[in-house]
C-alpha atoms as a PDB file:
ATOM      1  CA  MET A   1      15.938  20.293  -1.693  1.00  0.00           C
ATOM      2  CA  ILE A   2      14.948  18.625  -4.963  1.00  0.00           C
ATOM      3  CA  GLU A   3      11.199  18.698  -5.608  1.00  0.00           C
ATOM      4  CA  PRO A   4       9.120  16.875  -8.234  1.00  0.00           C
ATOM      5  CA  ARG A   5       7.125  18.277 -11.135  1.00  0.00           C
ATOM      6  CA  LEU A   6       3.416  17.458 -11.404  1.00  0.00           C
ATOM      7  CA  ASN A   7       2.158  16.203 -14.781  1.00  0.00           C
ATOM      8  CA  TYR A   8      -1.037  14.657 -16.156  1.00  0.00           C
ATOM      9  CA  VAL A   9      -1.889  12.069 -18.790  1.00  0.00           C
ATOM     10  CA  SER A  10      -5.347  11.307 -20.215  1.00  0.00           C
ATOM     11  CA  CYS A  11      -6.270   7.636 -19.961  1.00  0.00           C
ATOM     12  CA  PRO A  12      -9.040   5.964 -21.964  1.00  0.00           C
ATOM     13  CA  GLY A  13     -11.682   3.941 -20.173  1.00  0.00           C
ATOM     14  CA  PRO A  14     -14.041   4.813 -17.330  1.00  0.00           C
ATOM     15  CA  ALA A  15     -15.226   8.386 -17.199  1.00  0.00           C
ATOM     16  CA  ALA A  16     -14.113  10.841 -14.574  1.00  0.00           C
ATOM     17  CA  HIS A  17     -16.575  12.052 -11.965  1.00  0.00           C
ATOM     18  CA  PRO A  18     -18.721  14.842 -13.449  1.00  0.00           C
ATOM     19  CA  GLN A  19     -17.125  17.313 -11.059  1.00  0.00           C
ATOM     20  CA  ALA A  20     -13.676  16.602 -12.541  1.00  0.00           C
ATOM     21  CA  ASP A  21     -12.213  18.559 -15.447  1.00  0.00           C
ATOM     22  CA  THR A  22     -13.410  16.017 -18.008  1.00  0.00           C
ATOM     23  CA  ALA A  23     -16.658  14.078 -18.225  1.00  0.00           C
ATOM     24  CA  ALA A  24     -15.736  12.188 -21.425  1.00  0.00           C
ATOM     25  CA  GLN A  25     -14.949   8.472 -21.551  1.00  0.00           C
ATOM     26  CA  GLU A  26     -11.512   9.103 -20.158  1.00  0.00           C
ATOM     27  CA  HIS A  27      -9.875  10.256 -16.963  1.00  0.00           C
ATOM     28  CA  ARG A  28      -6.694  12.051 -16.037  1.00  0.00           C
ATOM     29  CA  MET A  29      -3.936  10.400 -14.075  1.00  0.00           C
ATOM     30  CA  ALA A  30      -1.456  12.627 -12.274  1.00  0.00           C
ATOM     31  CA  TRP A  31       2.223  11.692 -12.125  1.00  0.00           C
ATOM     32  CA  TRP A  32       5.163  13.204 -10.310  1.00  0.00           C
ATOM     33  CA  GLU A  33       8.478  13.448 -12.125  1.00  0.00           C
ATOM     34  CA  TRP A  34      11.858  13.481 -10.396  1.00  0.00           C
ATOM     35  CA  ASN A  35      14.824  14.176 -12.658  1.00  0.00           C
ATOM     36  CA  ALA A  36      18.131  15.678 -11.597  1.00  0.00           C
ATOM     37  CA  THR A  37      20.192  13.961 -14.303  1.00  0.00           C
ATOM     38  CA  GLY A  38      20.533  17.051 -16.474  1.00  0.00           C
ATOM     39  CA  ASP A  39      18.768  15.189 -19.297  1.00  0.00           C
ATOM     40  CA  PRO A  40      15.062  16.158 -19.424  1.00  0.00           C
ATOM     41  CA  HIS A  41      14.271  12.989 -21.379  1.00  0.00           C
ATOM     42  CA  HIS A  42      16.591  10.512 -19.702  1.00  0.00           C
ATOM     43  CA  PRO A  43      16.008   7.069 -21.298  1.00  0.00           C
ATOM     44  CA  HIS A  44      16.112   5.135 -18.003  1.00  0.00           C
ATOM     45  CA  VAL A  45      12.802   5.474 -16.131  1.00  0.00           C
ATOM     46  CA  VAL A  46      11.949   4.024 -12.731  1.00  0.00           C
ATOM     47  CA  VAL A  47       8.183   3.855 -12.176  1.00  0.00           C
ATOM     48  CA  CYS A  48       7.162   3.840  -8.494  1.00  0.00           C
ATOM     49  CA  VAL A  49       3.560   2.852  -7.741  1.00  0.00           C
ATOM     50  CA  HIS A  50       1.965   3.206  -4.308  1.00  0.00           C
ATOM     51  CA  GLY A  51      -0.376   1.118  -2.186  1.00  0.00           C
ATOM     52  CA  LEU A  52      -4.172   0.956  -2.028  1.00  0.00           C
ATOM     53  CA  SER A  53      -4.948   4.118  -0.060  1.00  0.00           C
ATOM     54  CA  ARG A  54      -1.682   5.968  -0.643  1.00  0.00           C
ATOM     55  CA  GLN A  55      -0.358   8.311  -3.374  1.00  0.00           C
ATOM     56  CA  GLY A  56       2.777   8.982  -5.421  1.00  0.00           C
ATOM     57  CA  ARG A  57       4.538  11.273  -2.945  1.00  0.00           C
ATOM     58  CA  ASP A  58       5.123   8.228  -0.741  1.00  0.00           C
ATOM     59  CA  PHE A  59       8.323   7.718  -2.739  1.00  0.00           C
ATOM     60  CA  ASP A  60       9.909  11.140  -2.137  1.00  0.00           C
ATOM     61  CA  THR A  61      12.853   9.790  -0.135  1.00  0.00           C
ATOM     62  CA  LEU A  62      13.613   7.001  -2.581  1.00  0.00           C
ATOM     63  CA  ALA A  63      13.143   9.306  -5.579  1.00  0.00           C
ATOM     64  CA  ARG A  64      15.607  11.834  -4.205  1.00  0.00           C
ATOM     65  CA  ALA A  65      18.154   9.035  -3.824  1.00  0.00           C
ATOM     66  CA  LEU A  66      17.675   7.889  -7.423  1.00  0.00           C
ATOM     67  CA  CYS A  67      16.879  10.963  -9.489  1.00  0.00           C
ATOM     68  CA  GLY A  68      20.477  12.039 -10.049  1.00  0.00           C
ATOM     69  CA  LYS A  69      21.056   8.883 -12.097  1.00  0.00           C
ATOM     70  CA  VAL A  70      17.629   7.979 -13.518  1.00  0.00           C
ATOM     71  CA  ARG A  71      14.283   9.617 -14.251  1.00  0.00           C
ATOM     72  CA  VAL A  72      11.771   8.684 -11.531  1.00  0.00           C
ATOM     73  CA  VAL A  73       8.038   8.735 -12.248  1.00  0.00           C
ATOM     74  CA  CYS A  74       5.537   8.347  -9.390  1.00  0.00           C
ATOM     75  CA  PRO A  75       1.889   8.235 -10.514  1.00  0.00           C
ATOM     76  CA  ASP A  76      -1.132   8.900  -8.351  1.00  0.00           C
ATOM     77  CA  VAL A  77      -3.283   5.887  -9.254  1.00  0.00           C
ATOM     78  CA  VAL A  78      -6.725   7.053 -10.408  1.00  0.00           C
ATOM     79  CA  GLY A  79      -8.952   7.979  -7.476  1.00  0.00           C
ATOM     80  CA  ARG A  80      -5.972   9.058  -5.405  1.00  0.00           C
ATOM     81  CA  GLY A  81      -3.960  12.227  -4.900  1.00  0.00           C
ATOM     82  CA  GLU A  82      -4.155  14.670  -7.803  1.00  0.00           C
ATOM     83  CA  SER A  83      -5.723  12.170 -10.223  1.00  0.00           C
ATOM     84  CA  ASP A  84      -9.369  12.199 -11.279  1.00  0.00           C
ATOM     85  CA  ARG A  85     -12.026  10.318  -9.349  1.00  0.00           C
ATOM     86  CA  LEU A  86     -14.142   7.898 -11.357  1.00  0.00           C
ATOM     87  CA  ALA A  87     -17.886   8.159 -11.873  1.00  0.00           C
ATOM     88  CA  ASP A  88     -18.300   4.380 -11.453  1.00  0.00           C
ATOM     89  CA  PRO A  89     -16.771   3.038  -8.222  1.00  0.00           C
ATOM     90  CA  MET A  90     -16.605  -0.512  -9.616  1.00  0.00           C
ATOM     91  CA  ALA A  91     -14.085   0.749 -12.179  1.00  0.00           C
ATOM     92  CA  TYR A  92     -11.468   0.905  -9.416  1.00  0.00           C
ATOM     93  CA  GLN A  93      -9.935  -2.418 -10.444  1.00  0.00           C
ATOM     94  CA  LEU A  94      -6.472  -3.854 -11.089  1.00  0.00           C
ATOM     95  CA  GLY A  95      -7.080  -4.192 -14.828  1.00  0.00           C
ATOM     96  CA  GLN A  96      -7.872  -0.496 -15.200  1.00  0.00           C
ATOM     97  CA  TYR A  97      -4.896   0.517 -13.109  1.00  0.00           C
ATOM     98  CA  ALA A  98      -2.572  -1.572 -15.299  1.00  0.00           C
ATOM     99  CA  ALA A  99      -4.108  -0.103 -18.473  1.00  0.00           C
ATOM    100  CA  ASP A 100      -3.507   3.416 -17.125  1.00  0.00           C
ATOM    101  CA  MET A 101       0.152   2.564 -16.509  1.00  0.00           C
ATOM    102  CA  LEU A 102       0.529   1.348 -20.095  1.00  0.00           C
ATOM    103  CA  THR A 103      -0.918   4.683 -21.238  1.00  0.00           C
ATOM    104  CA  LEU A 104       1.597   6.529 -19.068  1.00  0.00           C
ATOM    105  CA  LEU A 105       4.540   4.494 -20.397  1.00  0.00           C
ATOM    106  CA  ALA A 106       3.422   5.083 -23.993  1.00  0.00           C
ATOM    107  CA  HIS A 107       3.184   8.813 -23.220  1.00  0.00           C
ATOM    108  CA  LEU A 108       6.711   8.858 -21.788  1.00  0.00           C
ATOM    109  CA  HIS A 109       7.996   6.917 -24.797  1.00  0.00           C
ATOM    110  CA  ARG A 110       6.473   9.470 -27.167  1.00  0.00           C
ATOM    111  CA  GLN A 111       8.237  12.247 -25.284  1.00  0.00           C
ATOM    112  CA  ALA A 112      11.572  10.517 -25.876  1.00  0.00           C
ATOM    113  CA  PRO A 113      12.414   6.849 -26.530  1.00  0.00           C
ATOM    114  CA  LEU A 114      12.752   4.757 -23.377  1.00  0.00           C
ATOM    115  CA  ARG A 115      15.603   2.268 -23.280  1.00  0.00           C
ATOM    116  CA  THR A 116      15.209   0.980 -19.715  1.00  0.00           C
ATOM    117  CA  ILE A 117      12.113   0.634 -17.518  1.00  0.00           C
ATOM    118  CA  ASP A 118      12.297  -0.468 -13.889  1.00  0.00           C
ATOM    119  CA  TRP A 119       9.324  -0.812 -11.535  1.00  0.00           C
ATOM    120  CA  VAL A 120       8.930  -0.355  -7.789  1.00  0.00           C
ATOM    121  CA  GLY A 121       5.511  -1.336  -6.459  1.00  0.00           C
ATOM    122  CA  THR A 122       4.311  -1.188  -2.861  1.00  0.00           C
ATOM    123  CA  SER A 123       1.416  -3.529  -2.075  1.00  0.00           C
ATOM    124  CA  MET A 124      -1.243  -2.651  -4.704  1.00  0.00           C
ATOM    125  CA  GLY A 125       1.509  -1.057  -6.784  1.00  0.00           C
ATOM    126  CA  GLY A 126       3.289  -4.404  -6.776  1.00  0.00           C
ATOM    127  CA  LEU A 127       0.150  -6.173  -8.000  1.00  0.00           C
ATOM    128  CA  ILE A 128      -0.109  -3.629 -10.817  1.00  0.00           C
ATOM    129  CA  GLY A 129       3.542  -4.330 -11.592  1.00  0.00           C
ATOM    130  CA  MET A 130       2.837  -8.062 -11.751  1.00  0.00           C
ATOM    131  CA  ALA A 131      -0.014  -7.371 -14.185  1.00  0.00           C
ATOM    132  CA  VAL A 132       2.233  -5.219 -16.379  1.00  0.00           C
ATOM    133  CA  CYS A 133       5.240  -7.556 -16.272  1.00  0.00           C
ATOM    134  CA  GLY A 134       3.436 -10.904 -16.266  1.00  0.00           C
ATOM    135  CA  GLN A 135       1.351 -10.655 -19.444  1.00  0.00           C
ATOM    136  CA  PRO A 136       3.425 -11.352 -22.562  1.00  0.00           C
ATOM    137  CA  GLY A 137       2.419  -9.251 -25.536  1.00  0.00           C
ATOM    138  CA  LEU A 138       1.372  -6.095 -23.719  1.00  0.00           C
ATOM    139  CA  PRO A 139       2.311  -2.927 -25.654  1.00  0.00           C
ATOM    140  CA  LEU A 140       5.265  -1.906 -23.492  1.00  0.00           C
ATOM    141  CA  PRO A 141       7.893   0.406 -25.049  1.00  0.00           C
ATOM    142  CA  VAL A 142      10.531  -2.054 -23.781  1.00  0.00           C
ATOM    143  CA  PRO A 143      10.189  -4.947 -21.314  1.00  0.00           C
ATOM    144  CA  VAL A 144      10.528  -4.079 -17.647  1.00  0.00           C
ATOM    145  CA  ARG A 145      14.131  -4.831 -16.710  1.00  0.00           C
ATOM    146  CA  ARG A 146      13.941  -4.915 -12.910  1.00  0.00           C
ATOM    147  CA  LEU A 147      10.963  -5.267 -10.613  1.00  0.00           C
ATOM    148  CA  VAL A 148      10.749  -4.496  -6.895  1.00  0.00           C
ATOM    149  CA  LEU A 149       7.739  -6.004  -5.142  1.00  0.00           C
ATOM    150  CA  ASN A 150       7.335  -4.301  -1.776  1.00  0.00           C
ATOM    151  CA  ASP A 151       5.556  -6.619   0.685  1.00  0.00           C
ATOM    152  CA  VAL A 152       3.150  -8.211  -1.762  1.00  0.00           C
ATOM    153  CA  GLY A 153       2.790 -11.434  -3.692  1.00  0.00           C
ATOM    154  CA  PRO A 154       0.213 -13.662  -5.376  1.00  0.00           C
ATOM    155  CA  VAL A 155      -1.233 -14.772  -2.032  1.00  0.00           C
ATOM    156  CA  ILE A 156      -2.685 -11.960   0.066  1.00  0.00           C
ATOM    157  CA  GLU A 157      -3.593 -13.005   3.590  1.00  0.00           C
ATOM    158  CA  TRP A 158      -7.314 -12.574   4.271  1.00  0.00           C
ATOM    159  CA  GLN A 159      -6.847 -11.186   7.782  1.00  0.00           C
ATOM    160  CA  ALA A 160      -4.774  -8.338   6.352  1.00  0.00           C
ATOM    161  CA  LEU A 161      -7.549  -7.477   3.902  1.00  0.00           C
ATOM    162  CA  GLN A 162     -10.025  -7.473   6.781  1.00  0.00           C
ATOM    163  CA  ARG A 163      -7.776  -5.142   8.768  1.00  0.00           C
ATOM    164  CA  ILE A 164      -7.476  -2.709   5.842  1.00  0.00           C
ATOM    165  CA  GLY A 165     -11.218  -2.853   5.235  1.00  0.00           C
ATOM    166  CA  GLN A 166     -11.904  -1.555   8.736  1.00  0.00           C
ATOM    167  CA  TYR A 167     -10.628   1.917   7.854  1.00  0.00           C
ATOM    168  CA  LEU A 168     -10.629   2.146   4.044  1.00  0.00           C
ATOM    169  CA  GLY A 169     -13.129   4.676   2.716  1.00  0.00           C
ATOM    170  CA  GLN A 170     -14.212   6.041   6.099  1.00  0.00           C
ATOM    171  CA  SER A 171     -15.264   9.689   6.013  1.00  0.00           C
ATOM    172  CA  VAL A 172     -12.958  11.635   8.316  1.00  0.00           C
ATOM    173  CA  ARG A 173     -12.138  15.260   9.013  1.00  0.00           C
ATOM    174  CA  PHE A 174      -9.039  16.544  10.761  1.00  0.00           C
ATOM    175  CA  ASP A 175      -8.652  19.934  12.407  1.00  0.00           C
ATOM    176  CA  SER A 176      -4.943  20.130  11.597  1.00  0.00           C
ATOM    177  CA  LEU A 177      -2.142  18.369   9.753  1.00  0.00           C
ATOM    178  CA  GLN A 178      -0.729  17.194  13.072  1.00  0.00           C
ATOM    179  CA  GLN A 179      -4.043  15.657  14.074  1.00  0.00           C
ATOM    180  CA  ALA A 180      -4.147  13.870  10.720  1.00  0.00           C
ATOM    181  CA  ALA A 181      -0.634  12.581  11.297  1.00  0.00           C
ATOM    182  CA  ASP A 182      -1.557  11.293  14.737  1.00  0.00           C
ATOM    183  CA  VAL A 183      -4.687   9.497  13.517  1.00  0.00           C
ATOM    184  CA  LEU A 184      -2.980   8.000  10.461  1.00  0.00           C
ATOM    185  CA  TRP A 185      -0.104   6.818  12.622  1.00  0.00           C
ATOM    186  CA  SER A 186      -2.552   4.931  14.833  1.00  0.00           C
ATOM    187  CA  LEU A 187      -3.583   3.015  11.692  1.00  0.00           C
ATOM    188  CA  SER A 188      -0.078   2.630  10.322  1.00  0.00           C
ATOM    189  CA  THR A 189       2.199   1.473  13.133  1.00  0.00           C
ATOM    190  CA  THR A 190       2.949  -1.645  11.064  1.00  0.00           C
ATOM    191  CA  PHE A 191       4.989   0.631   8.779  1.00  0.00           C
ATOM    192  CA  GLY A 192       7.754   0.454  11.383  1.00  0.00           C
ATOM    193  CA  PRO A 193       9.711   3.137  13.258  1.00  0.00           C
ATOM    194  CA  HIS A 194       9.630   6.699  11.895  1.00  0.00           C
ATOM    195  CA  THR A 195      10.702   9.975  13.416  1.00  0.00           C
ATOM    196  CA  PRO A 196       7.906  12.528  13.973  1.00  0.00           C
ATOM    197  CA  GLU A 197       9.407  14.587  11.143  1.00  0.00           C
ATOM    198  CA  GLN A 198       9.415  11.639   8.730  1.00  0.00           C
ATOM    199  CA  TRP A 199       5.825  10.762   9.532  1.00  0.00           C
ATOM    200  CA  LEU A 200       4.637  14.352   9.163  1.00  0.00           C
ATOM    201  CA  GLU A 201       6.200  14.492   5.692  1.00  0.00           C
ATOM    202  CA  LEU A 202       4.549  11.204   4.729  1.00  0.00           C
ATOM    203  CA  THR A 203       1.226  12.557   6.009  1.00  0.00           C
ATOM    204  CA  ARG A 204       1.293  15.939   4.259  1.00  0.00           C
ATOM    205  CA  PRO A 205       0.289  14.612   0.777  1.00  0.00           C
ATOM    206  CA  MET A 206      -2.265  12.264   2.365  1.00  0.00           C
ATOM    207  CA  VAL A 207      -4.712  15.091   3.173  1.00  0.00           C
ATOM    208  CA  ARG A 208      -6.494  17.872   1.305  1.00  0.00           C
ATOM    209  CA  ALA A 209      -7.824  21.153   2.668  1.00  0.00           C
ATOM    210  CA  LEU A 210     -11.641  21.128   2.889  1.00  0.00           C
ATOM    211  CA  PRO A 211     -13.752  24.113   1.730  1.00  0.00           C
ATOM    212  CA  GLU A 212     -15.409  24.297   5.144  1.00  0.00           C
ATOM    213  CA  GLY A 213     -12.047  24.178   6.916  1.00  0.00           C
ATOM    214  CA  GLY A 214      -9.871  21.409   8.236  1.00  0.00           C
ATOM    215  CA  PHE A 215      -8.531  18.490   6.223  1.00  0.00           C
ATOM    216  CA  GLY A 216      -9.852  15.310   4.623  1.00  0.00           C
ATOM    217  CA  LEU A 217      -8.114  12.305   3.114  1.00  0.00           C
ATOM    218  CA  HIS A 218      -6.725  12.632  -0.388  1.00  0.00           C
ATOM    219  CA  TYR A 219      -8.530   9.675  -1.977  1.00  0.00           C
ATOM    220  CA  ASP A 220     -12.017   8.933  -3.274  1.00  0.00           C
ATOM    221  CA  PRO A 221     -13.857   6.999  -0.527  1.00  0.00           C
ATOM    222  CA  ALA A 222     -15.468   4.978  -3.328  1.00  0.00           C
ATOM    223  CA  ILE A 223     -12.236   2.993  -3.834  1.00  0.00           C
ATOM    224  CA  ALA A 224     -13.585   0.943  -0.913  1.00  0.00           C
ATOM    225  CA  VAL A 225     -16.652  -0.217  -2.889  1.00  0.00           C
ATOM    226  CA  PRO A 226     -14.983  -2.969  -4.975  1.00  0.00           C
ATOM    227  CA  PHE A 227     -12.649  -3.760  -2.090  1.00  0.00           C
ATOM    228  CA  ARG A 228     -15.582  -4.482   0.238  1.00  0.00           C
ATOM    229  CA  ALA A 229     -17.289  -6.530  -2.466  1.00  0.00           C
ATOM    230  CA  LEU A 230     -14.383  -8.991  -2.402  1.00  0.00           C
ATOM    231  CA  THR A 231     -15.158 -12.259  -0.640  1.00  0.00           C
ATOM    232  CA  GLN A 232     -12.709 -14.694   0.880  1.00  0.00           C
ATOM    233  CA  GLU A 233     -13.701 -17.236  -1.761  1.00  0.00           C
ATOM    234  CA  ALA A 234     -13.087 -14.767  -4.606  1.00  0.00           C
ATOM    235  CA  ALA A 235      -9.730 -13.783  -3.123  1.00  0.00           C
ATOM    236  CA  ALA A 236      -8.674 -17.414  -2.927  1.00  0.00           C
ATOM    237  CA  ALA A 237      -9.826 -18.025  -6.504  1.00  0.00           C
ATOM    238  CA  GLY A 238      -7.779 -15.043  -7.685  1.00  0.00           C
ATOM    239  CA  GLU A 239      -4.562 -16.521  -6.337  1.00  0.00           C
ATOM    240  CA  ALA A 240      -4.199 -18.856  -9.313  1.00  0.00           C
ATOM    241  CA  ALA A 241      -4.412 -15.927 -11.744  1.00  0.00           C
ATOM    242  CA  LEU A 242      -1.858 -13.936  -9.741  1.00  0.00           C
ATOM    243  CA  TRP A 243       0.531 -16.885  -9.626  1.00  0.00           C
ATOM    244  CA  GLN A 244       0.170 -17.206 -13.399  1.00  0.00           C
ATOM    245  CA  LEU A 245       1.149 -13.561 -13.769  1.00  0.00           C
ATOM    246  CA  TYR A 246       4.067 -14.014 -11.396  1.00  0.00           C
ATOM    247  CA  ASP A 247       5.345 -17.119 -13.192  1.00  0.00           C
ATOM    248  CA  HIS A 248       5.461 -15.207 -16.501  1.00  0.00           C
ATOM    249  CA  ILE A 249       7.594 -12.349 -15.155  1.00  0.00           C
ATOM    250  CA  GLN A 250      10.917 -12.076 -16.973  1.00  0.00           C
ATOM    251  CA  ALA A 251      12.256  -9.064 -15.078  1.00  0.00           C
ATOM    252  CA  ARG A 252      14.925  -9.610 -12.452  1.00  0.00           C
ATOM    253  CA  THR A 253      12.915  -9.352  -9.240  1.00  0.00           C
ATOM    254  CA  LEU A 254      13.600  -8.172  -5.694  1.00  0.00           C
ATOM    255  CA  LEU A 255      11.035  -8.984  -3.007  1.00  0.00           C
ATOM    256  CA  LEU A 256      10.923  -6.792   0.091  1.00  0.00           C
ATOM    257  CA  ARG A 257       9.094  -8.015   3.162  1.00  0.00           C
ATOM    258  CA  GLY A 258       8.407  -6.552   6.547  1.00  0.00           C
ATOM    259  CA  ALA A 259       9.404  -9.331   8.918  1.00  0.00           C
ATOM    260  CA  GLN A 260       6.128  -8.847  10.815  1.00  0.00           C
ATOM    261  CA  SER A 261       3.938  -8.468   7.706  1.00  0.00           C
ATOM    262  CA  ASP A 262       0.405  -9.819   7.980  1.00  0.00           C
ATOM    263  CA  LEU A 263      -0.212  -9.472   4.234  1.00  0.00           C
ATOM    264  CA  LEU A 264       2.758 -11.363   2.747  1.00  0.00           C
ATOM    265  CA  SER A 265       3.404 -14.598   4.619  1.00  0.00           C
ATOM    266  CA  PRO A 266       6.852 -16.197   4.969  1.00  0.00           C
ATOM    267  CA  GLN A 267       5.519 -19.209   3.049  1.00  0.00           C
ATOM    268  CA  THR A 268       4.450 -17.079   0.075  1.00  0.00           C
ATOM    269  CA  ALA A 269       7.729 -15.166   0.107  1.00  0.00           C
ATOM    270  CA  ARG A 270       9.654 -18.443   0.118  1.00  0.00           C
ATOM    271  CA  ALA A 271       7.613 -19.792  -2.798  1.00  0.00           C
ATOM    272  CA  MET A 272       8.278 -16.598  -4.773  1.00  0.00           C
ATOM    273  CA  GLY A 273      11.982 -17.312  -4.463  1.00  0.00           C
ATOM    274  CA  GLU A 274      11.541 -20.792  -5.907  1.00  0.00           C
ATOM    275  CA  ARG A 275       9.374 -20.185  -8.979  1.00  0.00           C
ATOM    276  CA  GLY A 276       8.794 -17.656 -11.752  1.00  0.00           C
ATOM    277  CA  PRO A 277      11.488 -14.957 -11.640  1.00  0.00           C
ATOM    278  CA  LYS A 278      12.846 -16.479  -8.398  1.00  0.00           C
ATOM    279  CA  ALA A 279      12.804 -13.230  -6.482  1.00  0.00           C
ATOM    280  CA  ARG A 280      15.626 -12.407  -4.118  1.00  0.00           C
ATOM    281  CA  LEU A 281      14.166 -11.732  -0.669  1.00  0.00           C
ATOM    282  CA  VAL A 282      15.199  -8.931   1.671  1.00  0.00           C
ATOM    283  CA  GLU A 283      13.397  -8.698   5.030  1.00  0.00           C
ATOM    284  CA  PHE A 284      13.326  -5.766   7.442  1.00  0.00           C
ATOM    285  CA  ASP A 285      13.032  -6.425  11.163  1.00  0.00           C
ATOM    286  CA  GLY A 286      10.605  -4.366  13.220  1.00  0.00           C
ATOM    287  CA  VAL A 287       8.406  -3.665  10.177  1.00  0.00           C
ATOM    288  CA  GLY A 288       5.065  -5.127   9.132  1.00  0.00           C
ATOM    289  CA  HIS A 289       3.002  -4.159   6.105  1.00  0.00           C
ATOM    290  CA  ALA A 290       4.556  -2.315   4.427  1.00  0.00           C
ATOM    291  CA  PRO A 291       8.085  -0.853   4.420  1.00  0.00           C
ATOM    292  CA  THR A 292       7.774   2.845   3.497  1.00  0.00           C
ATOM    293  CA  LEU A 293      11.179   3.034   1.767  1.00  0.00           C
ATOM    294  CA  VAL A 294      12.159   5.946   3.978  1.00  0.00           C
ATOM    295  CA  ALA A 295      14.639   4.204   6.283  1.00  0.00           C
ATOM    296  CA  ALA A 296      18.230   4.243   5.016  1.00  0.00           C
ATOM    297  CA  ASP A 297      18.549   0.445   4.834  1.00  0.00           C
ATOM    298  CA  GLN A 298      15.334   0.162   2.805  1.00  0.00           C
ATOM    299  CA  VAL A 299      16.412   2.877   0.366  1.00  0.00           C
ATOM    300  CA  ALA A 300      19.853   1.278   0.019  1.00  0.00           C
ATOM    301  CA  ALA A 301      18.349  -2.129  -0.775  1.00  0.00           C
ATOM    302  CA  VAL A 302      16.191  -0.736  -3.581  1.00  0.00           C
ATOM    303  CA  ALA A 303      18.752   1.699  -4.991  1.00  0.00           C
ATOM    304  CA  GLY A 304      21.486  -0.921  -4.971  1.00  0.00           C
ATOM    305  CA  PHE A 305      19.265  -3.355  -6.870  1.00  0.00           C
ATOM    306  CA  LEU A 306      18.071  -0.838  -9.463  1.00  0.00           C
ATOM    307  CA  LEU A 307      21.434   0.791 -10.108  1.00  0.00           C
ATOM    308  CA  LEU A 308      23.407  -2.453 -10.320  1.00  0.00           C
ATOM    309  CA  ASP A 309      24.942  -2.855 -13.771  1.00  0.00           C
ATOM    310  CA  ASP A 310      23.367  -5.585 -15.891  1.00  0.00           C
ATOM    311  CA  ASP A 311      26.814  -7.118 -16.375  1.00  0.00           C
ATOM    312  CA  SER A 312      27.531  -7.148 -12.647  1.00  0.00           C
ATOM    313  CA  LYS A 313      28.263 -10.502 -11.057  1.00  0.00           C
ATOM    314  CA  GLY A 314      26.558  -9.373  -7.843  1.00  0.00           C
ATOM    315  CA  PRO A 315      23.369 -10.930  -6.464  1.00  0.00           C
ATOM    316  CA  ALA A 316      20.272 -10.841  -8.645  1.00  0.00           C
END
């Protein structure tokens, strides 16, 4: 089975936690590379960015489906997975995440010139994608060609944020990987049907072995600090800025939505199809927030969109 290679890039900005490898005014972001094309510096890169409390290995199934034709890069957003944790919890913000992605893209471009960049973003990863694609003048190697927004848009329903806030950042310890899988499933049934084997594989990168034994979650609990500081009024005020980003997107855009999503409403999804890049909507029955891109129909929707020739007369 194809496996990814783990890499790191140093990103300027907030300092890493003193216990990390660096205490300078920078931090390391980990990224997983999938490339079975035979070209170690393939010029077509698909960047896949995960949700708020997730990590880059969420995209293993999709990456395996794509990596024979493109180079797939799946970062662990800072504070998650193999990336550094930040000394200042309030630095866990969308602007910093987007800046880190620009650093990663510049790093990849220095390795070998990029000709095509596509973006797949689940939830928070979609918001980061909107920030990268919706600000003209950012120092991108080339403009993002195609953008997949997975169950996220400029309007994020407040009740979904409240639901996420109930478990985000909680200190937990699991006796075994299976126990972790069972507990995380109880919080993640909105992801839709998964076999026990699929869910165990999704869970494996979500935990880390603890020195005293057992397992803990992979992310810095402090990512919850700025999240909990968000008020309903501030969230509503931020919608205008997110719509402005969305309306400036030039990339051809595919919007995925779980038909039972509590985070992306049908009204917001409909509006996204009528303005800005006029995203094409694909919904998945029996799924809420958010599709995991493991099911065959979800993988096919994304792969078909990303691998469609630019000159094709097929749907946008």
